[in-house]
Each structure stands twice: as structure tokens, then as C-alpha cells.
Amino acid sequence: MVATHVIAKLGLPDPLAITYFLGCLEFFGGIAVAIGFLTRPVALMLAVEFVVITHWSFPHGYWFTNPGGGYEFPLVLFVTYIAILFGGGGLYSVDSAIGREF
């Protein structure tokens, strides 16, 4: 698995479990943010993930088209998740429909 090798390079313990966790976070968390369910907690977890990805991409330069990928695209996603974290799900979100903004 390519993702497991990337996580192993970061020196984190049990890279296979972390890889599956991040895959589920990105898939189910993306759906949750899109419909506005648990928007702030999921946006916080994704922002933390993209801080690590942005930091890991710094040696490759700014442009994402550089060999190895730059930090341009992960930085844009990080800023987007920070904006969602502070802005919340909005008026038409599931959080708003159930009357509870997390």
C-alpha cells in the first residue's frame, strides 16, 4: 500500500491503522461536511490532517505540479477547513435542522 509507506516515513506508529483511519476520515468526513453533519469536529480533524500534509509537502516547493507535489493544494484545503470550522454548517445543514450546532 502506497499510503502506508507515506505514513511510515513520518515515523508514526502502526501506519496501517492510521492509513485506514485517514481514509475513513476523508471519505465519511467529506460526506459529513457536505451535508453539514458534525461539521465543526470533522473540519477540525481534517484541518489537523492537512497541517501535517502541508508540512510534509514543504520540501517539494509551492506548486502542486512539482515532482513529489508541492504544498499549494494542501494549503488551500487547510484554509478551507479552517473557514468551515469557524463558519459552521450553515442554515441548511443537518446540524441546523436538528437544532444543535456542534
PDB file of N, CA and C in Angstrom:
ATOM      1  N   MET A   1       0.839  -1.181   0.000  1.00  0.00           N
ATOM      2  CA  MET A   1       0.000   0.000   0.000  1.00  0.00           C
ATOM      3  C   MET A   1       0.888   1.249   0.000  1.00  0.00           C
ATOM      4  N   VAL A   2       0.634   2.111  -0.929  1.00  0.00           N
ATOM      5  CA  VAL A   2       1.438   3.325  -1.057  1.00  0.00           C
ATOM      6  C   VAL A   2       1.204   4.266   0.111  1.00  0.00           C
ATOM      7  N   ALA A   3      -0.042   4.426   0.533  1.00  0.00           N
ATOM      8  CA  ALA A   3      -0.353   5.342   1.637  1.00  0.00           C
ATOM      9  C   ALA A   3       0.317   4.893   2.924  1.00  0.00           C
ATOM     10  N   THR A   4       0.404   3.598   3.153  1.00  0.00           N
ATOM     11  CA  THR A   4       1.056   3.084   4.350  1.00  0.00           C
ATOM     12  C   THR A   4       2.530   3.450   4.350  1.00  0.00           C
ATOM     13  N   HIS A   5       3.174   3.420   3.196  1.00  0.00           N
ATOM     14  CA  HIS A   5       4.587   3.784   3.113  1.00  0.00           C
ATOM     15  C   HIS A   5       4.787   5.266   3.409  1.00  0.00           C
ATOM     16  N   VAL A   6       3.860   6.096   2.983  1.00  0.00           N
ATOM     17  CA  VAL A   6       3.951   7.532   3.254  1.00  0.00           C
ATOM     18  C   VAL A   6       3.813   7.784   4.747  1.00  0.00           C
ATOM     19  N   ILE A   7       2.858   7.126   5.403  1.00  0.00           N
ATOM     20  CA  ILE A   7       2.663   7.283   6.844  1.00  0.00           C
ATOM     21  C   ILE A   7       3.869   6.740   7.601  1.00  0.00           C
ATOM     22  N   ALA A   8       4.439   5.642   7.134  1.00  0.00           N
ATOM     23  CA  ALA A   8       5.616   5.061   7.794  1.00  0.00           C
ATOM     24  C   ALA A   8       6.804   6.010   7.736  1.00  0.00           C
ATOM     25  N   LYS A   9       6.943   6.784   6.645  1.00  0.00           N
ATOM     26  CA  LYS A   9       8.037   7.751   6.532  1.00  0.00           C
ATOM     27  C   LYS A   9       7.937   8.862   7.567  1.00  0.00           C
ATOM     28  N   LEU A  10       6.712   9.140   8.037  1.00  0.00           N
ATOM     29  CA  LEU A  10       6.528  10.165   9.057  1.00  0.00           C
ATOM     30  C   LEU A  10       6.935   9.676  10.434  1.00  0.00           C
ATOM     31  N   GLY A  11       7.171   8.381  10.579  1.00  0.00           N
ATOM     32  CA  GLY A  11       7.602   7.827  11.851  1.00  0.00           C
ATOM     33  C   GLY A  11       6.466   7.591  12.836  1.00  0.00           C
ATOM     34  N   LEU A  12       5.244   7.526  12.335  1.00  0.00           N
ATOM     35  CA  LEU A  12       4.098   7.294  13.214  1.00  0.00           C
ATOM     36  C   LEU A  12       3.937   5.800  13.480  1.00  0.00           C
ATOM     37  N   PRO A  13       3.476   5.437  14.677  1.00  0.00           N
ATOM     38  CA  PRO A  13       3.299   4.014  14.983  1.00  0.00           C
ATOM     39  C   PRO A  13       2.082   3.440  14.261  1.00  0.00           C
ATOM     40  N   ASP A  14       2.131   2.175  13.944  1.00  0.00           N
ATOM     41  CA  ASP A  14       1.054   1.437  13.288  1.00  0.00           C
ATOM     42  C   ASP A  14       0.507   2.168  12.063  1.00  0.00           C
ATOM     43  N   PRO A  15       1.323   2.283  11.020  1.00  0.00           N
ATOM     44  CA  PRO A  15       0.905   3.048   9.839  1.00  0.00           C
ATOM     45  C   PRO A  15      -0.322   2.472   9.129  1.00  0.00           C
ATOM     46  N   LEU A  16      -0.552   1.173   9.217  1.00  0.00           N
ATOM     47  CA  LEU A  16      -1.713   0.597   8.545  1.00  0.00           C
ATOM     48  C   LEU A  16      -3.016   1.077   9.191  1.00  0.00           C
ATOM     49  N   ALA A  17      -3.065   1.099  10.518  1.00  0.00           N
ATOM     50  CA  ALA A  17      -4.265   1.569  11.219  1.00  0.00           C
ATOM     51  C   ALA A  17      -4.499   3.058  10.953  1.00  0.00           C
ATOM     52  N   ILE A  18      -3.442   3.838  10.943  1.00  0.00           N
ATOM     53  CA  ILE A  18      -3.570   5.275  10.682  1.00  0.00           C
ATOM     54  C   ILE A  18      -4.038   5.510   9.248  1.00  0.00           C
ATOM     55  N   THR A  19      -3.554   4.709   8.325  1.00  0.00           N
ATOM     56  CA  THR A  19      -3.973   4.836   6.930  1.00  0.00           C
ATOM     57  C   THR A  19      -5.467   4.567   6.781  1.00  0.00           C
ATOM     58  N   TYR A  20      -5.956   3.516   7.415  1.00  0.00           N
ATOM     59  CA  TYR A  20      -7.390   3.225   7.358  1.00  0.00           C
ATOM     60  C   TYR A  20      -8.203   4.312   8.046  1.00  0.00           C
ATOM     61  N   PHE A  21      -7.717   4.823   9.184  1.00  0.00           N
ATOM     62  CA  PHE A  21      -8.419   5.902   9.873  1.00  0.00           C
ATOM     63  C   PHE A  21      -8.521   7.135   8.980  1.00  0.00           C
ATOM     64  N   LEU A  22      -7.407   7.518   8.344  1.00  0.00           N
ATOM     65  CA  LEU A  22      -7.414   8.702   7.488  1.00  0.00           C
ATOM     66  C   LEU A  22      -8.291   8.496   6.258  1.00  0.00           C
ATOM     67  N   GLY A  23      -8.303   7.289   5.716  1.00  0.00           N
ATOM     68  CA  GLY A  23      -9.181   7.002   4.581  1.00  0.00           C
ATOM     69  C   GLY A  23     -10.645   7.143   4.955  1.00  0.00           C
ATOM     70  N   CYS A  24     -11.008   6.608   6.114  1.00  0.00           N
ATOM     71  CA  CYS A  24     -12.396   6.749   6.591  1.00  0.00           C
ATOM     72  C   CYS A  24     -12.717   8.198   6.918  1.00  0.00           C
ATOM     73  N   LEU A  25     -11.763   8.910   7.511  1.00  0.00           N
ATOM     74  CA  LEU A  25     -11.979  10.322   7.826  1.00  0.00           C
ATOM     75  C   LEU A  25     -12.232  11.122   6.558  1.00  0.00           C
ATOM     76  N   GLU A  26     -11.436  10.904   5.541  1.00  0.00           N
ATOM     77  CA  GLU A  26     -11.603  11.661   4.304  1.00  0.00           C
ATOM     78  C   GLU A  26     -12.900  11.288   3.583  1.00  0.00           C
ATOM     79  N   PHE A  27     -13.258  10.011   3.575  1.00  0.00           N
ATOM     80  CA  PHE A  27     -14.474   9.593   2.872  1.00  0.00           C
ATOM     81  C   PHE A  27     -15.723  10.007   3.643  1.00  0.00           C
ATOM     82  N   PHE A  28     -15.873   9.497   4.861  1.00  0.00           N
ATOM     83  CA  PHE A  28     -17.070   9.782   5.643  1.00  0.00           C
ATOM     84  C   PHE A  28     -17.089  11.221   6.155  1.00  0.00           C
ATOM     85  N   GLY A  29     -15.909  11.761   6.470  1.00  0.00           N
ATOM     86  CA  GLY A  29     -15.839  13.152   6.900  1.00  0.00           C
ATOM     87  C   GLY A  29     -16.196  14.114   5.789  1.00  0.00           C
ATOM     88  N   GLY A  30     -15.793  13.784   4.572  1.00  0.00           N
ATOM     89  CA  GLY A  30     -16.171  14.616   3.424  1.00  0.00           C
ATOM     90  C   GLY A  30     -17.671  14.623   3.202  1.00  0.00           C
ATOM     91  N   ILE A  31     -18.291  13.459   3.361  1.00  0.00           N
ATOM     92  CA  ILE A  31     -19.749  13.381   3.240  1.00  0.00           C
ATOM     93  C   ILE A  31     -20.408  14.175   4.359  1.00  0.00           C
ATOM     94  N   ALA A  32     -19.896  14.038   5.591  1.00  0.00           N
ATOM     95  CA  ALA A  32     -20.470  14.744   6.738  1.00  0.00           C
ATOM     96  C   ALA A  32     -20.369  16.259   6.568  1.00  0.00           C
ATOM     97  N   VAL A  33     -19.239  16.740   6.094  1.00  0.00           N
ATOM     98  CA  VAL A  33     -19.081  18.183   5.873  1.00  0.00           C
ATOM     99  C   VAL A  33     -20.001  18.647   4.743  1.00  0.00           C
ATOM    100  N   ALA A  34     -20.146  17.837   3.716  1.00  0.00           N
ATOM    101  CA  ALA A  34     -21.002  18.221   2.586  1.00  0.00           C
ATOM    102  C   ALA A  34     -22.468  18.361   2.994  1.00  0.00           C
ATOM    103  N   ILE A  35     -22.955  17.487   3.880  1.00  0.00           N
ATOM    104  CA  ILE A  35     -24.351  17.591   4.300  1.00  0.00           C
ATOM    105  C   ILE A  35     -24.510  18.437   5.563  1.00  0.00           C
ATOM    106  N   GLY A  36     -23.401  18.790   6.195  1.00  0.00           N
ATOM    107  CA  GLY A  36     -23.462  19.649   7.364  1.00  0.00           C
ATOM    108  C   GLY A  36     -23.733  18.924   8.654  1.00  0.00           C
ATOM    109  N   PHE A  37     -23.273  17.699   8.781  1.00  0.00           N
ATOM    110  CA  PHE A  37     -23.457  16.916  10.000  1.00  0.00           C
ATOM    111  C   PHE A  37     -22.135  16.820  10.743  1.00  0.00           C
ATOM    112  N   LEU A  38     -22.126  17.224  12.003  1.00  0.00           N
ATOM    113  CA  LEU A  38     -20.900  17.282  12.819  1.00  0.00           C
ATOM    114  C   LEU A  38     -19.817  18.091  12.096  1.00  0.00           C
ATOM    115  N   THR A  39     -20.211  19.198  11.550  1.00  0.00           N
ATOM    116  CA  THR A  39     -19.350  19.968  10.661  1.00  0.00           C
ATOM    117  C   THR A  39     -18.076  20.438  11.347  1.00  0.00           C
ATOM    118  N   ARG A  40     -18.202  21.057  12.503  1.00  0.00           N
ATOM    119  CA  ARG A  40     -17.021  21.620  13.158  1.00  0.00           C
ATOM    120  C   ARG A  40     -16.024  20.564  13.638  1.00  0.00           C
ATOM    121  N   PRO A  41     -16.459  19.481  14.303  1.00  0.00           N
ATOM    122  CA  PRO A  41     -15.469  18.477  14.710  1.00  0.00           C
ATOM    123  C   PRO A  41     -14.759  17.817  13.529  1.00  0.00           C
ATOM    124  N   VAL A  42     -15.512  17.525  12.482  1.00  0.00           N
ATOM    125  CA  VAL A  42     -14.900  16.889  11.312  1.00  0.00           C
ATOM    126  C   VAL A  42     -13.959  17.867  10.616  1.00  0.00           C
ATOM    127  N   ALA A  43     -14.356  19.139  10.508  1.00  0.00           N
ATOM    128  CA  ALA A  43     -13.486  20.138   9.889  1.00  0.00           C
ATOM    129  C   ALA A  43     -12.200  20.305  10.694  1.00  0.00           C
ATOM    130  N   LEU A  44     -12.287  20.216  12.019  1.00  0.00           N
ATOM    131  CA  LEU A  44     -11.085  20.301  12.858  1.00  0.00           C
ATOM    132  C   LEU A  44     -10.159  19.117  12.591  1.00  0.00           C
ATOM    133  N   MET A  45     -10.713  17.903  12.525  1.00  0.00           N
ATOM    134  CA  MET A  45      -9.876  16.727  12.252  1.00  0.00           C
ATOM    135  C   MET A  45      -9.231  16.820  10.872  1.00  0.00           C
ATOM    136  N   LEU A  46      -9.983  17.271   9.883  1.00  0.00           N
ATOM    137  CA  LEU A  46      -9.414  17.402   8.541  1.00  0.00           C
ATOM    138  C   LEU A  46      -8.377  18.516   8.479  1.00  0.00           C
ATOM    139  N   ALA A  47      -8.578  19.601   9.231  1.00  0.00           N
ATOM    140  CA  ALA A  47      -7.589  20.682   9.264  1.00  0.00           C
ATOM    141  C   ALA A  47      -6.280  20.188   9.873  1.00  0.00           C
ATOM    142  N   VAL A  48      -6.363  19.388  10.931  1.00  0.00           N
ATOM    143  CA  VAL A  48      -5.145  18.831  11.537  1.00  0.00           C
ATOM    144  C   VAL A  48      -4.439  17.921  10.543  1.00  0.00           C
ATOM    145  N   GLU A  49      -5.205  17.110   9.829  1.00  0.00           N
ATOM    146  CA  GLU A  49      -4.606  16.243   8.817  1.00  0.00           C
ATOM    147  C   GLU A  49      -3.874  17.062   7.755  1.00  0.00           C
ATOM    148  N   PHE A  50      -4.494  18.147   7.314  1.00  0.00           N
ATOM    149  CA  PHE A  50      -3.881  18.922   6.242  1.00  0.00           C
ATOM    150  C   PHE A  50      -2.737  19.816   6.724  1.00  0.00           C
ATOM    151  N   VAL A  51      -2.657  20.090   8.019  1.00  0.00           N
ATOM    152  CA  VAL A  51      -1.453  20.745   8.553  1.00  0.00           C
ATOM    153  C   VAL A  51      -0.260  19.816   8.371  1.00  0.00           C
ATOM    154  N   VAL A  52      -0.457  18.537   8.690  1.00  0.00           N
ATOM    155  CA  VAL A  52       0.623  17.554   8.541  1.00  0.00           C
ATOM    156  C   VAL A  52       0.984  17.380   7.069  1.00  0.00           C
ATOM    157  N   ILE A  53      -0.019  17.281   6.199  1.00  0.00           N
ATOM    158  CA  ILE A  53       0.256  17.108   4.771  1.00  0.00           C
ATOM    159  C   ILE A  53       0.975  18.326   4.208  1.00  0.00           C
ATOM    160  N   THR A  54       0.551  19.528   4.600  1.00  0.00           N
ATOM    161  CA  THR A  54       1.202  20.742   4.118  1.00  0.00           C
ATOM    162  C   THR A  54       2.646  20.807   4.595  1.00  0.00           C
ATOM    163  N   HIS A  55       2.869  20.484   5.861  1.00  0.00           N
ATOM    164  CA  HIS A  55       4.237  20.495   6.394  1.00  0.00           C
ATOM    165  C   HIS A  55       5.114  19.460   5.687  1.00  0.00           C
ATOM    166  N   TRP A  56       4.547  18.295   5.402  1.00  0.00           N
ATOM    167  CA  TRP A  56       5.297  17.248   4.733  1.00  0.00           C
ATOM    168  C   TRP A  56       5.608  17.623   3.284  1.00  0.00           C
ATOM    169  N   SER A  57       4.772  18.465   2.670  1.00  0.00           N
ATOM    170  CA  SER A  57       4.960  18.849   1.268  1.00  0.00           C
ATOM    171  C   SER A  57       5.876  20.057   1.089  1.00  0.00           C
ATOM    172  N   PHE A  58       6.267  20.736   2.158  1.00  0.00           N
ATOM    173  CA  PHE A  58       7.097  21.936   2.049  1.00  0.00           C
ATOM    174  C   PHE A  58       8.401  21.726   1.279  1.00  0.00           C
ATOM    175  N   PRO A  59       9.147  20.640   1.484  1.00  0.00           N
ATOM    176  CA  PRO A  59      10.419  20.499   0.750  1.00  0.00           C
ATOM    177  C   PRO A  59      10.264  20.418  -0.767  1.00  0.00           C
ATOM    178  N   HIS A  60       9.062  20.111  -1.249  1.00  0.00           N
ATOM    179  CA  HIS A  60       8.848  19.970  -2.693  1.00  0.00           C
ATOM    180  C   HIS A  60       8.518  21.290  -3.374  1.00  0.00           C
ATOM    181  N   GLY A  61       8.398  22.372  -2.616  1.00  0.00           N
ATOM    182  CA  GLY A  61       8.096  23.671  -3.200  1.00  0.00           C
ATOM    183  C   GLY A  61       6.619  24.005  -3.126  1.00  0.00           C
ATOM    184  N   TYR A  62       6.274  25.171  -3.668  1.00  0.00           N
ATOM    185  CA  TYR A  62       4.909  25.666  -3.564  1.00  0.00           C
ATOM    186  C   TYR A  62       3.962  24.980  -4.536  1.00  0.00           C
ATOM    187  N   TRP A  63       4.343  24.863  -5.793  1.00  0.00           N
ATOM    188  CA  TRP A  63       3.432  24.391  -6.830  1.00  0.00           C
ATOM    189  C   TRP A  63       3.169  22.906  -6.693  1.00  0.00           C
ATOM    190  N   PHE A  64       1.897  22.534  -6.749  1.00  0.00           N
ATOM    191  CA  PHE A  64       1.493  21.144  -6.591  1.00  0.00           C
ATOM    192  C   PHE A  64       1.932  20.290  -7.771  1.00  0.00           C
ATOM    193  N   THR A  65       2.272  20.915  -8.902  1.00  0.00           N
ATOM    194  CA  THR A  65       2.707  20.164 -10.082  1.00  0.00           C
ATOM    195  C   THR A  65       4.184  19.798 -10.027  1.00  0.00           C
ATOM    196  N   ASN A  66       4.911  20.246  -9.009  1.00  0.00           N
ATOM    197  CA  ASN A  66       6.319  19.867  -8.859  1.00  0.00           C
ATOM    198  C   ASN A  66       6.424  18.360  -8.622  1.00  0.00           C
ATOM    199  N   PRO A  67       7.567  17.780  -8.975  1.00  0.00           N
ATOM    200  CA  PRO A  67       7.752  16.356  -8.673  1.00  0.00           C
ATOM    201  C   PRO A  67       7.634  16.117  -7.166  1.00  0.00           C
ATOM    202  N   GLY A  68       6.819  15.168  -6.781  1.00  0.00           N
ATOM    203  CA  GLY A  68       6.578  14.902  -5.370  1.00  0.00           C
ATOM    204  C   GLY A  68       5.428  15.717  -4.809  1.00  0.00           C
ATOM    205  N   GLY A  69       4.930  16.678  -5.570  1.00  0.00           N
ATOM    206  CA  GLY A  69       3.802  17.511  -5.135  1.00  0.00           C
ATOM    207  C   GLY A  69       4.239  18.604  -4.194  1.00  0.00           C
ATOM    208  N   GLY A  70       3.759  19.796  -4.409  1.00  0.00           N
ATOM    209  CA  GLY A  70       4.066  20.923  -3.537  1.00  0.00           C
ATOM    210  C   GLY A  70       2.994  21.108  -2.486  1.00  0.00           C
ATOM    211  N   TYR A  71       3.078  22.222  -1.784  1.00  0.00           N
ATOM    212  CA  TYR A  71       2.141  22.450  -0.687  1.00  0.00           C
ATOM    213  C   TYR A  71       1.002  23.388  -1.057  1.00  0.00           C
ATOM    214  N   GLU A  72       0.874  23.763  -2.320  1.00  0.00           N
ATOM    215  CA  GLU A  72      -0.179  24.677  -2.756  1.00  0.00           C
ATOM    216  C   GLU A  72      -1.585  24.117  -2.484  1.00  0.00           C
ATOM    217  N   PHE A  73      -1.895  22.946  -2.983  1.00  0.00           N
ATOM    218  CA  PHE A  73      -3.234  22.369  -2.850  1.00  0.00           C
ATOM    219  C   PHE A  73      -3.566  21.976  -1.406  1.00  0.00           C
ATOM    220  N   PRO A  74      -2.650  21.310  -0.674  1.00  0.00           N
ATOM    221  CA  PRO A  74      -2.958  21.019   0.734  1.00  0.00           C
ATOM    222  C   PRO A  74      -3.168  22.283   1.568  1.00  0.00           C
ATOM    223  N   LEU A  75      -2.467  23.357   1.249  1.00  0.00           N
ATOM    224  CA  LEU A  75      -2.644  24.617   1.974  1.00  0.00           C
ATOM    225  C   LEU A  75      -4.021  25.212   1.703  1.00  0.00           C
ATOM    226  N   VAL A  76      -4.484  25.130   0.464  1.00  0.00           N
ATOM    227  CA  VAL A  76      -5.824  25.623   0.129  1.00  0.00           C
ATOM    228  C   VAL A  76      -6.886  24.818   0.880  1.00  0.00           C
ATOM    229  N   LEU A  77      -6.720  23.501   0.935  1.00  0.00           N
ATOM    230  CA  LEU A  77      -7.683  22.678   1.670  1.00  0.00           C
ATOM    231  C   LEU A  77      -7.627  22.959   3.169  1.00  0.00           C
ATOM    232  N   PHE A  78      -6.445  23.185   3.714  1.00  0.00           N
ATOM    233  CA  PHE A  78      -6.321  23.536   5.128  1.00  0.00           C
ATOM    234  C   PHE A  78      -7.079  24.828   5.434  1.00  0.00           C
ATOM    235  N   VAL A  79      -6.881  25.847   4.621  1.00  0.00           N
ATOM    236  CA  VAL A  79      -7.566  27.126   4.831  1.00  0.00           C
ATOM    237  C   VAL A  79      -9.076  26.957   4.677  1.00  0.00           C
ATOM    238  N   THR A  80      -9.498  26.124   3.736  1.00  0.00           N
ATOM    239  CA  THR A  80     -10.925  25.862   3.548  1.00  0.00           C
ATOM    240  C   THR A  80     -11.527  25.205   4.785  1.00  0.00           C
ATOM    241  N   TYR A  81     -10.844  24.220   5.353  1.00  0.00           N
ATOM    242  CA  TYR A  81     -11.367  23.552   6.546  1.00  0.00           C
ATOM    243  C   TYR A  81     -11.350  24.467   7.765  1.00  0.00           C
ATOM    244  N   ILE A  82     -10.402  25.375   7.849  1.00  0.00           N
ATOM    245  CA  ILE A  82     -10.401  26.353   8.943  1.00  0.00           C
ATOM    246  C   ILE A  82     -11.612  27.279   8.794  1.00  0.00           C
ATOM    247  N   ALA A  83     -11.912  27.695   7.571  1.00  0.00           N
ATOM    248  CA  ALA A  83     -13.090  28.540   7.342  1.00  0.00           C
ATOM    249  C   ALA A  83     -14.375  27.796   7.701  1.00  0.00           C
ATOM    250  N   ILE A  84     -14.466  26.529   7.355  1.00  0.00           N
ATOM    251  CA  ILE A  84     -15.638  25.734   7.707  1.00  0.00           C
ATOM    252  C   ILE A  84     -15.713  25.547   9.218  1.00  0.00           C
ATOM    253  N   LEU A  85     -14.569  25.379   9.863  1.00  0.00           N
ATOM    254  CA  LEU A  85     -14.531  25.227  11.314  1.00  0.00           C
ATOM    255  C   LEU A  85     -15.114  26.448  12.010  1.00  0.00           C
ATOM    256  N   PHE A  86     -14.743  27.637  11.572  1.00  0.00           N
ATOM    257  CA  PHE A  86     -15.241  28.852  12.194  1.00  0.00           C
ATOM    258  C   PHE A  86     -16.644  29.224  11.722  1.00  0.00           C
ATOM    259  N   GLY A  87     -16.989  28.874  10.488  1.00  0.00           N
ATOM    260  CA  GLY A  87     -18.289  29.244   9.938  1.00  0.00           C
ATOM    261  C   GLY A  87     -19.412  28.287  10.270  1.00  0.00           C
ATOM    262  N   GLY A  88     -19.083  27.041  10.528  1.00  0.00           N
ATOM    263  CA  GLY A  88     -20.113  26.055  10.825  1.00  0.00           C
ATOM    264  C   GLY A  88     -20.788  25.538   9.575  1.00  0.00           C
ATOM    265  N   GLY A  89     -21.852  24.793   9.784  1.00  0.00           N
ATOM    266  CA  GLY A  89     -22.543  24.132   8.683  1.00  0.00           C
ATOM    267  C   GLY A  89     -23.476  25.016   7.892  1.00  0.00           C
ATOM    268  N   GLY A  90     -23.974  26.079   8.501  1.00  0.00           N
ATOM    269  CA  GLY A  90     -24.861  26.976   7.788  1.00  0.00           C
ATOM    270  C   GLY A  90     -26.329  26.694   8.075  1.00  0.00           C
ATOM    271  N   LEU A  91     -27.158  27.485   7.451  1.00  0.00           N
ATOM    272  CA  LEU A  91     -28.596  27.450   7.710  1.00  0.00           C
ATOM    273  C   LEU A  91     -29.254  26.156   7.251  1.00  0.00           C
ATOM    274  N   TYR A  92     -28.813  25.596   6.149  1.00  0.00           N
ATOM    275  CA  TYR A  92     -29.452  24.417   5.575  1.00  0.00           C
ATOM    276  C   TYR A  92     -28.709  23.118   5.878  1.00  0.00           C
ATOM    277  N   SER A  93     -27.916  23.099   6.926  1.00  0.00           N
ATOM    278  CA  SER A  93     -27.160  21.904   7.284  1.00  0.00           C
ATOM    279  C   SER A  93     -28.007  20.980   8.154  1.00  0.00           C
ATOM    280  N   VAL A  94     -27.553  19.747   8.290  1.00  0.00           N
ATOM    281  CA  VAL A  94     -28.208  18.789   9.175  1.00  0.00           C
ATOM    282  C   VAL A  94     -28.102  19.268  10.620  1.00  0.00           C
ATOM    283  N   ASP A  95     -26.956  19.836  10.991  1.00  0.00           N
ATOM    284  CA  ASP A  95     -26.792  20.377  12.345  1.00  0.00           C
ATOM    285  C   ASP A  95     -27.854  21.429  12.648  1.00  0.00           C
ATOM    286  N   SER A  96     -28.141  22.281  11.708  1.00  0.00           N
ATOM    287  CA  SER A  96     -29.154  23.312  11.890  1.00  0.00           C
ATOM    288  C   SER A  96     -30.551  22.704  11.941  1.00  0.00           C
ATOM    289  N   ALA A  97     -30.789  21.677  11.150  1.00  0.00           N
ATOM    290  CA  ALA A  97     -32.104  21.031  11.122  1.00  0.00           C
ATOM    291  C   ALA A  97     -32.436  20.331  12.434  1.00  0.00           C
ATOM    292  N   ILE A  98     -31.423  19.754  13.084  1.00  0.00           N
ATOM    293  CA  ILE A  98     -31.679  19.087  14.358  1.00  0.00           C
ATOM    294  C   ILE A  98     -31.589  20.071  15.529  1.00  0.00           C
ATOM    295  N   GLY A  99     -31.254  21.305  15.222  1.00  0.00           N
ATOM    296  CA  GLY A  99     -31.235  22.349  16.259  1.00  0.00           C
ATOM    297  C   GLY A  99     -30.017  22.321  17.149  1.00  0.00           C
ATOM    298  N   ARG A 100     -28.961  21.742  16.686  1.00  0.00           N
ATOM    299  CA  ARG A 100     -27.755  21.665  17.521  1.00  0.00           C
ATOM    300  C   ARG A 100     -26.531  21.903  16.647  1.00  0.00           C
ATOM    301  N   GLU A 101     -25.809  22.966  16.920  1.00  0.00           N
ATOM    302  CA  GLU A 101     -24.574  23.292  16.202  1.00  0.00           C
ATOM    303  C   GLU A 101     -23.406  22.768  17.028  1.00  0.00           C
ATOM    304  N   PHE A 102     -22.707  21.783  16.510  1.00  0.00           N
ATOM    305  CA  PHE A 102     -21.596  21.189  17.250  1.00  0.00           C
ATOM    306  C   PHE A 102     -20.360  22.023  17.132  1.00  0.00           C
TER     307      PHE A 102
END
